[in-house]
Amino acid sequence: MKIIITFYTTYDNLKAEELLSNEQIPIRVKPVPRHISSDCGLAIEGNIEDKTKIEEVLQRNEIEYENVHIIK
């Protein structure tokens, strides 16, 4: 399973991408899927196994995110 993390702003999305890449957490930036609504058109996709680690990195660096969606 995967997770999709949505953000309020493109800046937060891009900053999150940089921070998570620096932590060597495998992620991918992609458009927000149609069935998910978001203020920002971009999202980060990651592995469900990395969910806690991703949230810790974002919180530690004060990156605001809208929601974490679990995708099958």
PDB file of N, CA and C in Angstrom:
ATOM      1  N   MET A   1       0.838  -1.186   0.000  1.00  0.00           N
ATOM      2  CA  MET A   1       0.000   0.000   0.000  1.00  0.00           C
ATOM      3  C   MET A   1       0.881   1.246   0.000  1.00  0.00           C
ATOM      4  N   LYS A   2       0.306   2.309  -0.482  1.00  0.00           N
ATOM      5  CA  LYS A   2       0.988   3.596  -0.581  1.00  0.00           C
ATOM      6  C   LYS A   2       0.232   4.636   0.233  1.00  0.00           C
ATOM      7  N   ILE A   3       0.920   5.746   0.496  1.00  0.00           N
ATOM      8  CA  ILE A   3       0.261   6.902   1.091  1.00  0.00           C
ATOM      9  C   ILE A   3       0.415   8.076   0.142  1.00  0.00           C
ATOM     10  N   ILE A   4      -0.571   8.941   0.151  1.00  0.00           N
ATOM     11  CA  ILE A   4      -0.534  10.195  -0.589  1.00  0.00           C
ATOM     12  C   ILE A   4      -0.660  11.302   0.445  1.00  0.00           C
ATOM     13  N   ILE A   5       0.322  12.203   0.460  1.00  0.00           N
ATOM     14  CA  ILE A   5       0.309  13.328   1.394  1.00  0.00           C
ATOM     15  C   ILE A   5      -0.017  14.582   0.601  1.00  0.00           C
ATOM     16  N   THR A   6      -1.073  15.277   1.013  1.00  0.00           N
ATOM     17  CA  THR A   6      -1.461  16.513   0.347  1.00  0.00           C
ATOM     18  C   THR A   6      -1.039  17.708   1.204  1.00  0.00           C
ATOM     19  N   PHE A   7      -0.802  18.814   0.527  1.00  0.00           N
ATOM     20  CA  PHE A   7      -0.286  20.019   1.171  1.00  0.00           C
ATOM     21  C   PHE A   7      -1.166  21.215   0.836  1.00  0.00           C
ATOM     22  N   TYR A   8      -1.073  22.241   1.677  1.00  0.00           N
ATOM     23  CA  TYR A   8      -1.814  23.475   1.437  1.00  0.00           C
ATOM     24  C   TYR A   8      -1.145  24.332   0.368  1.00  0.00           C
ATOM     25  N   THR A   9       0.193  24.256   0.292  1.00  0.00           N
ATOM     26  CA  THR A   9       0.921  25.103  -0.651  1.00  0.00           C
ATOM     27  C   THR A   9       1.955  24.294  -1.422  1.00  0.00           C
ATOM     28  N   THR A  10       2.277  24.783  -2.605  1.00  0.00           N
ATOM     29  CA  THR A  10       3.331  24.163  -3.408  1.00  0.00           C
ATOM     30  C   THR A  10       4.669  24.283  -2.695  1.00  0.00           C
ATOM     31  N   TYR A  11       4.896  25.400  -2.008  1.00  0.00           N
ATOM     32  CA  TYR A  11       6.153  25.580  -1.277  1.00  0.00           C
ATOM     33  C   TYR A  11       6.350  24.456  -0.261  1.00  0.00           C
ATOM     34  N   ASP A  12       5.322  24.170   0.534  1.00  0.00           N
ATOM     35  CA  ASP A  12       5.443  23.104   1.535  1.00  0.00           C
ATOM     36  C   ASP A  12       5.684  21.752   0.873  1.00  0.00           C
ATOM     37  N   ASN A  13       5.042  21.512  -0.260  1.00  0.00           N
ATOM     38  CA  ASN A  13       5.239  20.257  -0.981  1.00  0.00           C
ATOM     39  C   ASN A  13       6.688  20.117  -1.434  1.00  0.00           C
ATOM     40  N   LEU A  14       7.229  21.165  -2.036  1.00  0.00           N
ATOM     41  CA  LEU A  14       8.601  21.109  -2.540  1.00  0.00           C
ATOM     42  C   LEU A  14       9.618  21.036  -1.409  1.00  0.00           C
ATOM     43  N   LYS A  15       9.367  21.743  -0.322  1.00  0.00           N
ATOM     44  CA  LYS A  15      10.257  21.680   0.844  1.00  0.00           C
ATOM     45  C   LYS A  15      10.225  20.279   1.450  1.00  0.00           C
ATOM     46  N   ALA A  16       9.045  19.692   1.532  1.00  0.00           N
ATOM     47  CA  ALA A  16       8.920  18.324   2.048  1.00  0.00           C
ATOM     48  C   ALA A  16       9.684  17.351   1.161  1.00  0.00           C
ATOM     49  N   GLU A  17       9.581  17.520  -0.146  1.00  0.00           N
ATOM     50  CA  GLU A  17      10.320  16.653  -1.075  1.00  0.00           C
ATOM     51  C   GLU A  17      11.821  16.731  -0.797  1.00  0.00           C
ATOM     52  N   GLU A  18      12.322  17.932  -0.631  1.00  0.00           N
ATOM     53  CA  GLU A  18      13.752  18.126  -0.356  1.00  0.00           C
ATOM     54  C   GLU A  18      14.158  17.454   0.959  1.00  0.00           C
ATOM     55  N   LEU A  19      13.399  17.694   2.013  1.00  0.00           N
ATOM     56  CA  LEU A  19      13.730  17.137   3.330  1.00  0.00           C
ATOM     57  C   LEU A  19      13.670  15.611   3.335  1.00  0.00           C
ATOM     58  N   LEU A  20      12.640  15.050   2.737  1.00  0.00           N
ATOM     59  CA  LEU A  20      12.484  13.598   2.723  1.00  0.00           C
ATOM     60  C   LEU A  20      13.554  12.936   1.858  1.00  0.00           C
ATOM     61  N   SER A  21      13.916  13.581   0.765  1.00  0.00           N
ATOM     62  CA  SER A  21      15.000  13.057  -0.075  1.00  0.00           C
ATOM     63  C   SER A  21      16.321  13.081   0.677  1.00  0.00           C
ATOM     64  N   ASN A  22      16.563  14.156   1.429  1.00  0.00           N
ATOM     65  CA  ASN A  22      17.790  14.246   2.232  1.00  0.00           C
ATOM     66  C   ASN A  22      17.852  13.152   3.288  1.00  0.00           C
ATOM     67  N   GLU A  23      16.692  12.719   3.770  1.00  0.00           N
ATOM     68  CA  GLU A  23      16.614  11.631   4.760  1.00  0.00           C
ATOM     69  C   GLU A  23      16.625  10.259   4.080  1.00  0.00           C
ATOM     70  N   GLN A  24      16.736  10.267   2.759  1.00  0.00           N
ATOM     71  CA  GLN A  24      16.756   9.044   1.942  1.00  0.00           C
ATOM     72  C   GLN A  24      15.494   8.192   2.124  1.00  0.00           C
ATOM     73  N   ILE A  25      14.370   8.875   2.260  1.00  0.00           N
ATOM     74  CA  ILE A  25      13.070   8.208   2.319  1.00  0.00           C
ATOM     75  C   ILE A  25      12.525   8.200   0.887  1.00  0.00           C
ATOM     76  N   PRO A  26      12.220   7.023   0.354  1.00  0.00           N
ATOM     77  CA  PRO A  26      11.749   6.968  -1.037  1.00  0.00           C
ATOM     78  C   PRO A  26      10.351   7.573  -1.193  1.00  0.00           C
ATOM     79  N   ILE A  27      10.277   8.632  -1.990  1.00  0.00           N
ATOM     80  CA  ILE A  27       9.011   9.319  -2.251  1.00  0.00           C
ATOM     81  C   ILE A  27       8.959   9.706  -3.719  1.00  0.00           C
ATOM     82  N   ARG A  28       7.788  10.140  -4.144  1.00  0.00           N
ATOM     83  CA  ARG A  28       7.620  10.616  -5.507  1.00  0.00           C
ATOM     84  C   ARG A  28       6.612  11.757  -5.488  1.00  0.00           C
ATOM     85  N   VAL A  29       6.947  12.856  -6.155  1.00  0.00           N
ATOM     86  CA  VAL A  29       6.002  13.971  -6.289  1.00  0.00           C
ATOM     87  C   VAL A  29       5.120  13.682  -7.497  1.00  0.00           C
ATOM     88  N   LYS A  30       3.824  13.869  -7.312  1.00  0.00           N
ATOM     89  CA  LYS A  30       2.884  13.592  -8.392  1.00  0.00           C
ATOM     90  C   LYS A  30       1.671  14.498  -8.251  1.00  0.00           C
ATOM     91  N   PRO A  31       0.890  14.633  -9.312  1.00  0.00           N
ATOM     92  CA  PRO A  31      -0.348  15.412  -9.192  1.00  0.00           C
ATOM     93  C   PRO A  31      -1.293  14.753  -8.187  1.00  0.00           C
ATOM     94  N   VAL A  32      -2.080  15.572  -7.522  1.00  0.00           N
ATOM     95  CA  VAL A  32      -3.069  15.042  -6.579  1.00  0.00           C
ATOM     96  C   VAL A  32      -4.092  14.223  -7.379  1.00  0.00           C
ATOM     97  N   PRO A  33      -4.358  12.990  -6.967  1.00  0.00           N
ATOM     98  CA  PRO A  33      -5.367  12.182  -7.674  1.00  0.00           C
ATOM     99  C   PRO A  33      -6.732  12.873  -7.684  1.00  0.00           C
ATOM    100  N   ARG A  34      -7.503  12.630  -8.711  1.00  0.00           N
ATOM    101  CA  ARG A  34      -8.795  13.300  -8.893  1.00  0.00           C
ATOM    102  C   ARG A  34      -9.762  13.084  -7.740  1.00  0.00           C
ATOM    103  N   HIS A  35      -9.719  11.910  -7.134  1.00  0.00           N
ATOM    104  CA  HIS A  35     -10.682  11.618  -6.062  1.00  0.00           C
ATOM    105  C   HIS A  35     -10.292  12.246  -4.721  1.00  0.00           C
ATOM    106  N   ILE A  36      -9.128  12.919  -4.706  1.00  0.00           N
ATOM    107  CA  ILE A  36      -8.673  13.610  -3.495  1.00  0.00           C
ATOM    108  C   ILE A  36      -8.655  15.103  -3.791  1.00  0.00           C
ATOM    109  N   SER A  37      -9.260  15.894  -2.941  1.00  0.00           N
ATOM    110  CA  SER A  37      -9.286  17.345  -3.107  1.00  0.00           C
ATOM    111  C   SER A  37      -8.140  17.967  -2.325  1.00  0.00           C
ATOM    112  N   SER A  38      -7.511  18.997  -2.893  1.00  0.00           N
ATOM    113  CA  SER A  38      -6.398  19.660  -2.212  1.00  0.00           C
ATOM    114  C   SER A  38      -6.262  21.085  -2.718  1.00  0.00           C
ATOM    115  N   ASP A  39      -5.767  21.979  -1.853  1.00  0.00           N
ATOM    116  CA  ASP A  39      -5.500  23.358  -2.264  1.00  0.00           C
ATOM    117  C   ASP A  39      -4.322  23.418  -3.227  1.00  0.00           C
ATOM    118  N   CYS A  40      -3.352  22.556  -3.021  1.00  0.00           N
ATOM    119  CA  CYS A  40      -2.159  22.486  -3.858  1.00  0.00           C
ATOM    120  C   CYS A  40      -2.362  21.356  -4.862  1.00  0.00           C
ATOM    121  N   GLY A  41      -1.911  21.530  -6.076  1.00  0.00           N
ATOM    122  CA  GLY A  41      -2.103  20.512  -7.107  1.00  0.00           C
ATOM    123  C   GLY A  41      -1.116  19.367  -7.055  1.00  0.00           C
ATOM    124  N   LEU A  42      -0.119  19.461  -6.166  1.00  0.00           N
ATOM    125  CA  LEU A  42       0.897  18.415  -6.066  1.00  0.00           C
ATOM    126  C   LEU A  42       0.750  17.643  -4.765  1.00  0.00           C
ATOM    127  N   ALA A  43       1.203  16.408  -4.792  1.00  0.00           N
ATOM    128  CA  ALA A  43       1.189  15.555  -3.600  1.00  0.00           C
ATOM    129  C   ALA A  43       2.475  14.744  -3.575  1.00  0.00           C
ATOM    130  N   ILE A  44       2.747  14.144  -2.438  1.00  0.00           N
ATOM    131  CA  ILE A  44       3.882  13.236  -2.302  1.00  0.00           C
ATOM    132  C   ILE A  44       3.336  11.837  -2.068  1.00  0.00           C
ATOM    133  N   GLU A  45       3.861  10.901  -2.840  1.00  0.00           N
ATOM    134  CA  GLU A  45       3.500   9.496  -2.673  1.00  0.00           C
ATOM    135  C   GLU A  45       4.659   8.780  -1.994  1.00  0.00           C
ATOM    136  N   GLY A  46       4.336   7.974  -0.999  1.00  0.00           N
ATOM    137  CA  GLY A  46       5.354   7.206  -0.287  1.00  0.00           C
ATOM    138  C   GLY A  46       4.825   5.841   0.090  1.00  0.00           C
ATOM    139  N   ASN A  47       5.688   5.054   0.668  1.00  0.00           N
ATOM    140  CA  ASN A  47       5.304   3.718   1.119  1.00  0.00           C
ATOM    141  C   ASN A  47       4.634   3.800   2.482  1.00  0.00           C
ATOM    142  N   ILE A  48       3.623   2.977   2.686  1.00  0.00           N
ATOM    143  CA  ILE A  48       2.906   2.947   3.965  1.00  0.00           C
ATOM    144  C   ILE A  48       3.866   2.648   5.116  1.00  0.00           C
ATOM    145  N   GLU A  49       4.900   1.862   4.849  1.00  0.00           N
ATOM    146  CA  GLU A  49       5.870   1.504   5.890  1.00  0.00           C
ATOM    147  C   GLU A  49       6.654   2.716   6.395  1.00  0.00           C
ATOM    148  N   ASP A  50       6.731   3.772   5.577  1.00  0.00           N
ATOM    149  CA  ASP A  50       7.488   4.973   5.941  1.00  0.00           C
ATOM    150  C   ASP A  50       6.599   6.079   6.502  1.00  0.00           C
ATOM    151  N   LYS A  51       5.315   5.810   6.699  1.00  0.00           N
ATOM    152  CA  LYS A  51       4.358   6.848   7.118  1.00  0.00           C
ATOM    153  C   LYS A  51       4.796   7.572   8.387  1.00  0.00           C
ATOM    154  N   THR A  52       5.138   6.837   9.425  1.00  0.00           N
ATOM    155  CA  THR A  52       5.529   7.458  10.695  1.00  0.00           C
ATOM    156  C   THR A  52       6.788   8.291  10.525  1.00  0.00           C
ATOM    157  N   LYS A  53       7.762   7.763   9.821  1.00  0.00           N
ATOM    158  CA  LYS A  53       9.022   8.476   9.600  1.00  0.00           C
ATOM    159  C   LYS A  53       8.786   9.761   8.803  1.00  0.00           C
ATOM    160  N   ILE A  54       7.943   9.688   7.785  1.00  0.00           N
ATOM    161  CA  ILE A  54       7.629  10.863   6.974  1.00  0.00           C
ATOM    162  C   ILE A  54       6.959  11.934   7.829  1.00  0.00           C
ATOM    163  N   GLU A  55       5.968  11.535   8.617  1.00  0.00           N
ATOM    164  CA  GLU A  55       5.273  12.501   9.473  1.00  0.00           C
ATOM    165  C   GLU A  55       6.226  13.120  10.490  1.00  0.00           C
ATOM    166  N   GLU A  56       7.147  12.350  11.034  1.00  0.00           N
ATOM    167  CA  GLU A  56       8.126  12.884  11.989  1.00  0.00           C
ATOM    168  C   GLU A  56       9.015  13.936  11.338  1.00  0.00           C
ATOM    169  N   VAL A  57       9.491  13.669  10.124  1.00  0.00           N
ATOM    170  CA  VAL A  57      10.345  14.632   9.415  1.00  0.00           C
ATOM    171  C   VAL A  57       9.569  15.917   9.140  1.00  0.00           C
ATOM    172  N   LEU A  58       8.336  15.797   8.687  1.00  0.00           N
ATOM    173  CA  LEU A  58       7.528  16.983   8.387  1.00  0.00           C
ATOM    174  C   LEU A  58       7.246  17.795   9.648  1.00  0.00           C
ATOM    175  N   GLN A  59       6.893  17.134  10.731  1.00  0.00           N
ATOM    176  CA  GLN A  59       6.608  17.840  11.982  1.00  0.00           C
ATOM    177  C   GLN A  59       7.860  18.481  12.566  1.00  0.00           C
ATOM    178  N   ARG A  60       8.961  17.777  12.521  1.00  0.00           N
ATOM    179  CA  ARG A  60      10.220  18.304  13.055  1.00  0.00           C
ATOM    180  C   ARG A  60      10.646  19.577  12.322  1.00  0.00           C
ATOM    181  N   ASN A  61      10.325  19.651  11.034  1.00  0.00           N
ATOM    182  CA  ASN A  61      10.708  20.801  10.217  1.00  0.00           C
ATOM    183  C   ASN A  61       9.566  21.789  10.008  1.00  0.00           C
ATOM    184  N   GLU A  62       8.481  21.609  10.770  1.00  0.00           N
ATOM    185  CA  GLU A  62       7.328  22.509  10.744  1.00  0.00           C
ATOM    186  C   GLU A  62       6.739  22.690   9.349  1.00  0.00           C
ATOM    187  N   ILE A  63       6.654  21.579   8.612  1.00  0.00           N
ATOM    188  CA  ILE A  63       6.019  21.589   7.299  1.00  0.00           C
ATOM    189  C   ILE A  63       4.553  21.208   7.497  1.00  0.00           C
ATOM    190  N   GLU A  64       3.667  22.122   7.120  1.00  0.00           N
ATOM    191  CA  GLU A  64       2.237  21.849   7.264  1.00  0.00           C
ATOM    192  C   GLU A  64       1.757  21.008   6.090  1.00  0.00           C
ATOM    193  N   TYR A  65       1.029  19.959   6.410  1.00  0.00           N
ATOM    194  CA  TYR A  65       0.422  19.154   5.357  1.00  0.00           C
ATOM    195  C   TYR A  65      -1.067  19.041   5.636  1.00  0.00           C
ATOM    196  N   GLU A  66      -1.803  18.857   4.573  1.00  0.00           N
ATOM    197  CA  GLU A  66      -3.263  18.846   4.677  1.00  0.00           C
ATOM    198  C   GLU A  66      -3.772  17.519   5.224  1.00  0.00           C
ATOM    199  N   ASN A  67      -3.319  16.412   4.607  1.00  0.00           N
ATOM    200  CA  ASN A  67      -3.830  15.111   5.005  1.00  0.00           C
ATOM    201  C   ASN A  67      -2.912  14.004   4.505  1.00  0.00           C
ATOM    202  N   VAL A  68      -3.042  12.829   5.117  1.00  0.00           N
ATOM    203  CA  VAL A  68      -2.352  11.625   4.655  1.00  0.00           C
ATOM    204  C   VAL A  68      -3.435  10.629   4.259  1.00  0.00           C
ATOM    205  N   HIS A  69      -3.421  10.239   3.004  1.00  0.00           N
ATOM    206  CA  HIS A  69      -4.413   9.314   2.464  1.00  0.00           C
ATOM    207  C   HIS A  69      -3.747   7.968   2.223  1.00  0.00           C
ATOM    208  N   ILE A  70      -4.409   6.894   2.607  1.00  0.00           N
ATOM    209  CA  ILE A  70      -3.895   5.551   2.355  1.00  0.00           C
ATOM    210  C   ILE A  70      -4.542   5.046   1.072  1.00  0.00           C
ATOM    211  N   ILE A  71      -3.690   4.646   0.123  1.00  0.00           N
ATOM    212  CA  ILE A  71      -4.139   4.198  -1.189  1.00  0.00           C
ATOM    213  C   ILE A  71      -3.800   2.721  -1.352  1.00  0.00           C
ATOM    214  N   LYS A  72      -4.762   1.942  -1.772  1.00  0.00           N
ATOM    215  CA  LYS A  72      -4.528   0.505  -1.983  1.00  0.00           C
ATOM    216  C   LYS A  72      -3.917   0.243  -3.336  1.00  0.00           C
TER     217      LYS A  72
END
